[in-house]
Amino acid sequence: MDLASVREYLKNYDGPDMQIMEVCGSHTGAIAKNGIPGLLSPKIHLLSGPGCPVCVTPSSYVDKLIELSMNPKNCIVTFGDLLRVPGSTKRTLSSARGEGARVKMVYSPMDTIDLALKDPETDYIFAAVGFETTTPVYALLVDEVIRRDLRNVKLLTAIKTMPEVIRYLCESGAPIDAFIAPGHVSVVTGTKIYEPIAEEFQIPFGVAGFEGKELLAAIYGIVRSYGKGRVMNFYPSVVREDGNPQARAMIDKYFIVHDCAWRGMGIVPGSGKVLREEYRYLDAGSIGLDEDHKANPACSCDRVLMGKIRPYECPLFGKICNPLNPQGACMVSTEGSCFSYYSNHRTDG
């Protein structure tokens, strides 16, 4: 079907109300930037999901990073998005740096190697957060650390996996009729990994790219498949049924499945990765960081991440909570649903 026919169908759709969750934070941003909510029937509702890495990282992990950063022997190495995520208090890595903590922002985990080689007296601790997309790079970092026999590089991990949290959402009663499956994650996992969930809950999955026409095609396929347990690939140029076996083998070489805490959701069984026992000497204290206390109790990030409310339904949204003064993790990252909704003035429902 051509794009004009797809747009006409979606605009005039008059079937059952559908709640479709885009799991990926990049999809949330692309949906807003392409004005897709305005192209849909009032009976098609898009929800943001737990697909922003820093948004789902529990406060105890941030607290641990801050604790480690205040030790003069350590330097925390991190991506920029994590700098402003609040822990159990309003403290962030950025504010800790203002108190004398050593924190270094990088664009690649492999930059940690150069830092460690130039300064062997400092322990460089990389903040390894993310999903299946970035985990192979963390495995490569571990591989290089071992190859070079570096003694001053460690990881603090908060690595999460998508299928388990999607199942958790389905089992917890989140109001979801279908999923736009994450494009980047699916490059590694493949599409088959969603099939058991689709069949068990009889809901469609559409793996989508990030262009407007790709997202519309995925939404069209999903809406046409209402009530059917099927997985459709609308991103075949980069996503295969079996994903990337080499990347998964690299992950499995250094990491094992572990129960994992998600911000606002608690422990999701089998939804994380930690270093294997034989490589645990490279871990900076990742296991057991399960507590999650809000710096602001009125923040609704947990309900936003589970699709129970939209960002603008949070009482803090756009008032005391904005990108310059974030009260929760979802307003910090450019992949965060609250940031995206705020920046694009999105109020669809």
Protein backbone atom coordinates (compact mmCIF):
# COMPACT_ATOMS: atom_id res chain seq x y z
CA MET A 1 0.00 0.00 0.00
CA ASP A 2 1.35 3.47 -0.86
CA LEU A 3 2.04 6.11 1.79
CA ALA A 4 -1.00 8.24 0.90
CA SER A 5 -3.31 5.25 1.38
CA VAL A 6 -1.64 4.40 4.69
CA ARG A 7 -2.14 7.94 5.96
CA GLU A 8 -5.78 7.96 4.84
CA TYR A 9 -6.47 4.64 6.55
CA LEU A 10 -4.85 5.69 9.84
CA LYS A 11 -6.58 9.09 9.86
CA ASN A 12 -10.02 7.58 9.24
CA TYR A 13 -9.64 4.42 11.33
CA ASP A 14 -12.88 3.73 13.20
CA GLY A 15 -12.25 0.32 14.77
CA PRO A 16 -11.58 -0.57 18.43
CA ASP A 17 -9.57 1.89 20.51
CA MET A 18 -5.90 0.90 20.40
CA GLN A 19 -3.17 1.73 22.90
CA ILE A 20 0.15 1.26 21.09
CA MET A 21 3.38 1.58 23.07
CA GLU A 22 6.57 2.69 21.40
CA VAL A 23 9.14 1.08 23.66
CA CYS A 24 12.19 2.92 22.30
CA GLY A 25 13.04 6.44 23.45
CA SER A 26 14.34 7.29 19.98
CA HIS A 27 10.96 6.29 18.56
CA THR A 28 9.25 8.66 20.99
CA GLY A 29 11.39 11.52 19.71
CA ALA A 30 10.88 10.56 16.06
CA ILE A 31 7.11 10.28 16.51
CA ALA A 32 6.96 13.78 17.93
CA LYS A 33 9.32 15.34 15.37
CA ASN A 34 7.38 13.84 12.46
CA GLY A 35 4.04 15.01 13.84
CA ILE A 36 2.67 11.47 13.71
CA PRO A 37 0.05 11.83 16.49
CA GLY A 38 -1.70 14.45 14.36
CA LEU A 39 -1.94 12.00 11.47
CA LEU A 40 -3.82 9.36 13.46
CA SER A 41 -7.45 8.70 14.23
CA PRO A 42 -8.59 9.67 17.75
CA LYS A 43 -9.01 5.93 18.30
CA ILE A 44 -5.27 5.25 17.95
CA HIS A 45 -3.32 6.23 21.05
CA LEU A 46 0.48 6.17 21.32
CA LEU A 47 2.17 5.57 24.67
CA SER A 48 5.82 6.01 25.60
CA GLY A 49 7.57 3.05 27.22
CA PRO A 50 10.66 2.19 29.25
CA GLY A 51 13.14 2.50 26.40
CA CYS A 52 15.35 5.35 27.61
CA PRO A 53 18.49 3.89 29.27
CA VAL A 54 19.06 6.55 31.91
CA CYS A 55 15.32 6.91 32.58
CA VAL A 56 15.04 3.34 33.85
CA THR A 57 18.26 3.37 35.87
CA PRO A 58 17.38 3.18 39.61
CA SER A 59 18.34 5.94 42.01
CA SER A 60 20.57 3.59 44.02
CA TYR A 61 22.81 3.21 40.95
CA VAL A 62 23.22 7.00 40.71
CA ASP A 63 23.90 7.14 44.46
CA LYS A 64 26.63 4.53 44.04
CA LEU A 65 28.23 6.46 41.19
CA ILE A 66 28.25 9.62 43.32
CA GLU A 67 29.77 7.71 46.25
CA LEU A 68 32.53 6.30 44.05
CA SER A 69 33.18 9.67 42.41
CA MET A 70 33.85 11.33 45.78
CA ASN A 71 36.78 8.98 46.39
CA PRO A 72 39.88 10.88 45.17
CA LYS A 73 41.36 7.64 43.85
CA ASN A 74 38.46 7.20 41.42
CA CYS A 75 37.18 8.90 38.29
CA ILE A 76 33.72 8.11 36.93
CA VAL A 77 33.52 7.86 33.14
CA THR A 78 30.07 8.33 31.64
CA PHE A 79 27.88 9.46 28.78
CA GLY A 80 26.53 12.99 29.15
CA ASP A 81 22.88 12.06 29.72
CA LEU A 82 23.67 10.43 33.06
CA LEU A 83 25.28 13.54 34.55
CA ARG A 84 21.97 15.20 35.50
CA VAL A 85 19.93 12.19 36.60
CA PRO A 86 18.96 12.58 40.27
CA GLY A 87 19.66 9.86 42.80
CA SER A 88 17.64 9.29 45.97
CA THR A 89 18.23 12.93 46.87
CA LYS A 90 18.50 15.79 44.41
CA ARG A 91 22.23 15.12 44.04
CA THR A 92 23.52 14.26 40.58
CA LEU A 93 26.92 13.43 39.17
CA SER A 94 27.01 16.98 37.85
CA SER A 95 26.40 18.50 41.29
CA ALA A 96 28.91 16.08 42.83
CA ARG A 97 31.50 17.30 40.35
CA GLY A 98 30.86 20.79 41.70
CA GLU A 99 31.76 19.40 45.13
CA GLY A 100 35.10 18.08 43.90
CA ALA A 101 34.14 14.67 42.50
CA ARG A 102 36.07 13.39 39.52
CA VAL A 103 33.71 12.76 36.61
CA LYS A 104 34.66 12.53 32.95
CA MET A 105 32.19 12.63 30.07
CA VAL A 106 33.04 10.58 26.97
CA TYR A 107 31.38 9.68 23.68
CA SER A 108 32.57 6.07 23.57
CA PRO A 109 33.21 3.51 26.33
CA MET A 110 36.52 2.72 24.61
CA ASP A 111 37.77 6.21 25.54
CA THR A 112 38.15 4.79 29.04
CA ILE A 113 41.18 2.79 27.82
CA ASP A 114 43.10 5.93 26.83
CA LEU A 115 42.26 7.64 30.10
CA ALA A 116 43.48 4.65 32.11
CA LEU A 117 46.73 4.33 30.13
CA LYS A 118 47.58 8.00 30.61
CA ASP A 119 46.83 7.97 34.36
CA PRO A 120 47.61 4.55 35.90
CA GLU A 121 47.30 5.92 39.45
CA THR A 122 43.54 6.54 39.03
CA ASP A 123 40.81 3.90 38.92
CA TYR A 124 38.51 4.70 36.00
CA ILE A 125 34.96 3.38 36.51
CA PHE A 126 32.75 3.33 33.45
CA ALA A 127 29.01 3.80 34.04
CA ALA A 128 27.67 1.04 31.80
CA VAL A 129 23.94 1.66 31.35
CA GLY A 130 21.74 0.68 28.44
CA PHE A 131 20.09 -2.15 26.55
CA GLU A 132 21.13 -4.81 24.05
CA THR A 133 22.28 -2.07 21.67
CA THR A 134 25.23 -0.90 23.79
CA THR A 135 26.03 -4.12 25.65
CA PRO A 136 28.26 -5.51 22.85
CA VAL A 137 30.43 -2.37 23.15
CA TYR A 138 30.74 -2.95 26.90
CA ALA A 139 31.81 -6.51 26.14
CA LEU A 140 34.46 -5.14 23.77
CA LEU A 141 35.64 -2.79 26.54
CA VAL A 142 36.01 -5.72 28.94
CA ASP A 143 37.80 -7.69 26.23
CA GLU A 144 40.31 -4.89 25.69
CA VAL A 145 40.86 -4.35 29.42
CA ILE A 146 41.69 -8.04 29.82
CA ARG A 147 43.89 -8.10 26.72
CA ARG A 148 45.93 -5.15 27.97
CA ASP A 149 45.86 -6.40 31.57
CA LEU A 150 44.69 -3.00 32.79
CA ARG A 151 44.25 -2.91 36.55
CA ASN A 152 42.67 0.52 36.81
CA VAL A 153 39.49 0.08 34.76
CA LYS A 154 36.20 -1.19 36.19
CA LEU A 155 32.53 -1.09 35.26
CA LEU A 156 29.47 -0.21 37.27
CA THR A 157 26.70 -1.87 35.30
CA ALA A 158 22.98 -1.20 34.96
CA ILE A 159 22.47 -3.20 31.77
CA LYS A 160 18.91 -4.15 30.89
CA THR A 161 17.15 -6.34 28.33
CA MET A 162 13.95 -5.50 26.48
CA PRO A 163 11.86 -8.66 26.10
CA GLU A 164 11.64 -9.26 29.85
CA VAL A 165 10.37 -5.77 30.67
CA ILE A 166 7.83 -5.96 27.82
CA ARG A 167 6.53 -9.19 29.34
CA TYR A 168 6.48 -7.50 32.75
CA LEU A 169 4.32 -4.69 31.37
CA CYS A 170 1.89 -7.18 29.86
CA GLU A 171 1.65 -9.14 33.10
CA SER A 172 1.23 -6.05 35.29
CA GLY A 173 -1.89 -4.81 33.57
CA ALA A 174 -0.44 -1.88 31.65
CA PRO A 175 -3.07 -0.69 29.12
CA ILE A 176 -1.27 -1.84 25.99
CA ASP A 177 -2.80 -3.45 22.88
CA ALA A 178 0.34 -3.54 20.74
CA PHE A 179 4.02 -2.60 20.66
CA ILE A 180 6.24 -0.72 18.27
CA ALA A 181 9.31 -2.83 18.96
CA PRO A 182 12.64 -1.02 19.37
CA GLY A 183 14.58 -0.74 16.11
CA HIS A 184 18.15 -0.51 17.42
CA VAL A 185 17.68 -3.25 20.01
CA SER A 186 16.13 -5.54 17.40
CA VAL A 187 19.27 -5.29 15.26
CA VAL A 188 20.99 -7.32 18.00
CA THR A 189 18.12 -9.47 19.29
CA GLY A 190 16.30 -10.13 16.02
CA THR A 191 12.53 -10.30 15.68
CA LYS A 192 11.96 -13.88 16.87
CA ILE A 193 12.59 -12.88 20.47
CA TYR A 194 9.18 -11.13 20.63
CA GLU A 195 7.19 -14.06 19.26
CA PRO A 196 6.50 -15.87 22.58
CA ILE A 197 5.07 -12.67 24.11
CA ALA A 198 3.01 -11.85 21.02
CA GLU A 199 1.51 -15.33 20.99
CA GLU A 200 0.87 -15.56 24.74
CA PHE A 201 -0.90 -12.20 25.01
CA GLN A 202 -2.28 -12.13 21.46
CA ILE A 203 -0.90 -8.69 20.68
CA PRO A 204 0.94 -7.52 17.56
CA PHE A 205 4.53 -6.26 17.45
CA GLY A 206 5.90 -4.10 14.68
CA VAL A 207 9.66 -3.55 14.44
CA ALA A 208 10.08 -0.04 13.05
CA GLY A 209 12.73 2.28 11.72
CA PHE A 210 12.95 5.94 12.63
CA GLU A 211 11.76 7.79 9.53
CA GLY A 212 8.20 9.08 9.49
CA LYS A 213 7.13 6.78 6.66
CA GLU A 214 8.67 3.76 8.43
CA LEU A 215 6.81 4.51 11.63
CA LEU A 216 3.53 5.05 9.77
CA ALA A 217 3.97 1.72 7.98
CA ALA A 218 4.56 -0.03 11.30
CA ILE A 219 1.53 1.60 12.93
CA TYR A 220 -0.59 0.67 9.91
CA GLY A 221 0.51 -2.97 10.12
CA ILE A 222 -0.08 -3.05 13.86
CA VAL A 223 -3.57 -1.54 13.61
CA ARG A 224 -4.49 -3.98 10.86
CA SER A 225 -3.33 -6.81 13.14
CA TYR A 226 -5.36 -5.81 16.22
CA GLY A 227 -5.94 -8.78 18.51
CA LYS A 228 -3.48 -11.04 16.69
CA GLY A 229 -0.30 -12.45 18.17
CA ARG A 230 2.18 -11.73 15.42
CA VAL A 231 5.55 -10.04 14.91
CA MET A 232 6.11 -7.92 11.79
CA ASN A 233 9.40 -6.48 10.57
CA PHE A 234 9.07 -3.03 8.97
CA TYR A 235 12.81 -2.39 9.24
CA PRO A 236 14.23 -5.22 7.08
CA SER A 237 17.15 -3.16 5.83
CA VAL A 238 18.94 -3.62 9.16
CA VAL A 239 16.85 -6.04 11.27
CA ARG A 240 16.85 -9.78 10.65
CA GLU A 241 14.83 -12.57 12.19
CA ASP A 242 17.87 -13.91 14.07
CA GLY A 243 19.46 -10.50 14.73
CA ASN A 244 23.22 -10.38 15.16
CA PRO A 245 24.51 -13.71 16.54
CA GLN A 246 28.10 -12.43 16.71
CA ALA A 247 27.12 -9.50 18.94
CA ARG A 248 25.09 -11.78 21.21
CA ALA A 249 28.00 -14.24 21.45
CA MET A 250 30.26 -11.39 22.54
CA ILE A 251 27.75 -10.40 25.21
CA ASP A 252 27.43 -13.97 26.46
CA LYS A 253 31.21 -14.29 26.69
CA TYR A 254 31.39 -11.74 29.51
CA PHE A 255 27.86 -11.26 30.87
CA ILE A 256 25.13 -13.45 32.36
CA VAL A 257 21.41 -12.93 32.98
CA HIS A 258 20.51 -11.39 36.32
CA ASP A 259 17.43 -9.97 38.05
CA CYS A 260 17.46 -6.23 37.62
CA ALA A 261 15.89 -3.15 39.21
CA TRP A 262 14.09 -0.69 36.91
CA ARG A 263 13.35 2.84 38.06
CA GLY A 264 9.82 2.97 39.41
CA MET A 265 9.10 -0.70 38.65
CA GLY A 266 11.21 -2.61 41.12
CA ILE A 267 12.88 -5.91 40.30
CA VAL A 268 12.05 -7.41 36.91
CA PRO A 269 13.24 -11.05 36.93
CA GLY A 270 15.90 -11.93 34.39
CA SER A 271 15.88 -8.48 32.82
CA GLY A 272 19.51 -7.51 33.34
CA LYS A 273 23.08 -8.48 32.64
CA VAL A 274 26.03 -8.58 35.05
CA LEU A 275 29.62 -9.65 34.59
CA ARG A 276 30.27 -13.37 34.81
CA GLU A 277 31.78 -14.58 38.07
CA GLU A 278 35.23 -15.02 36.56
CA TYR A 279 35.26 -11.37 35.47
CA ARG A 280 33.59 -9.97 38.58
CA TYR A 281 36.93 -8.46 39.66
CA LEU A 282 36.22 -5.78 37.04
CA ASP A 283 32.92 -4.86 38.72
CA ALA A 284 32.75 -1.75 40.91
CA GLY A 285 29.77 -2.90 43.02
CA SER A 286 26.86 -3.30 40.63
CA ILE A 287 24.96 -6.16 42.27
CA GLY A 288 22.40 -5.23 44.92
CA LEU A 289 21.68 -1.68 43.74
CA ASP A 290 17.94 -2.27 43.88
CA GLU A 291 16.47 0.52 45.99
CA ASP A 292 14.73 3.32 44.16
CA HIS A 293 13.73 6.43 46.09
CA LYS A 294 12.39 9.53 44.36
CA ALA A 295 14.10 12.84 45.02
CA ASN A 296 10.65 14.36 44.52
CA PRO A 297 7.75 12.11 45.66
CA ALA A 298 5.35 13.91 43.33
CA CYS A 299 7.35 12.84 40.26
CA SER A 300 5.39 10.37 38.10
CA CYS A 301 8.25 8.93 36.04
CA ASP A 302 7.36 5.41 37.15
CA ARG A 303 3.79 5.68 35.82
CA VAL A 304 5.01 7.33 32.61
CA LEU A 305 7.51 4.52 31.98
CA MET A 306 4.76 1.91 32.36
CA GLY A 307 2.37 3.70 30.02
CA LYS A 308 -0.16 4.35 32.78
CA ILE A 309 -0.13 8.11 32.18
CA ARG A 310 1.27 10.39 29.54
CA PRO A 311 4.00 12.85 30.55
CA TYR A 312 1.74 15.90 30.46
CA GLU A 313 -0.59 14.21 32.96
CA CYS A 314 2.11 14.39 35.65
CA PRO A 315 1.32 17.31 38.02
CA LEU A 316 4.92 18.55 37.80
CA PHE A 317 5.20 18.49 34.00
CA GLY A 318 5.96 21.93 32.53
CA LYS A 319 5.57 23.56 35.92
CA ILE A 320 8.51 22.89 38.21
CA CYS A 321 9.74 20.06 35.97
CA ASN A 322 11.36 21.00 32.67
CA PRO A 323 14.66 20.21 30.90
CA LEU A 324 16.44 22.98 32.82
CA ASN A 325 15.07 21.80 36.17
CA PRO A 326 14.29 18.07 35.81
CA GLN A 327 12.55 16.42 38.75
CA GLY A 328 12.86 12.93 37.33
CA ALA A 329 14.98 10.94 34.90
CA CYS A 330 12.41 11.10 32.06
CA MET A 331 12.97 14.86 31.72
CA VAL A 332 16.78 14.61 31.67
CA SER A 333 17.69 12.59 28.60
CA THR A 334 16.85 13.62 25.05
CA GLU A 335 15.47 10.05 24.75
CA GLY A 336 13.24 10.57 27.78
CA SER A 337 9.52 10.67 27.09
CA CYS A 338 8.94 13.76 29.27
CA PHE A 339 11.78 15.62 27.54
CA SER A 340 10.38 14.68 24.15
CA TYR A 341 6.81 15.65 24.99
CA TYR A 342 7.97 18.97 26.51
CA SER A 343 10.35 19.89 23.68
CA ASN A 344 7.83 19.08 20.95
CA HIS A 345 4.73 20.44 22.74
CA ARG A 346 3.12 17.03 22.39
CA THR A 347 -0.29 16.67 24.06
CA ASP A 348 -1.81 13.86 22.06
CA GLY A 349 -3.98 11.32 23.80
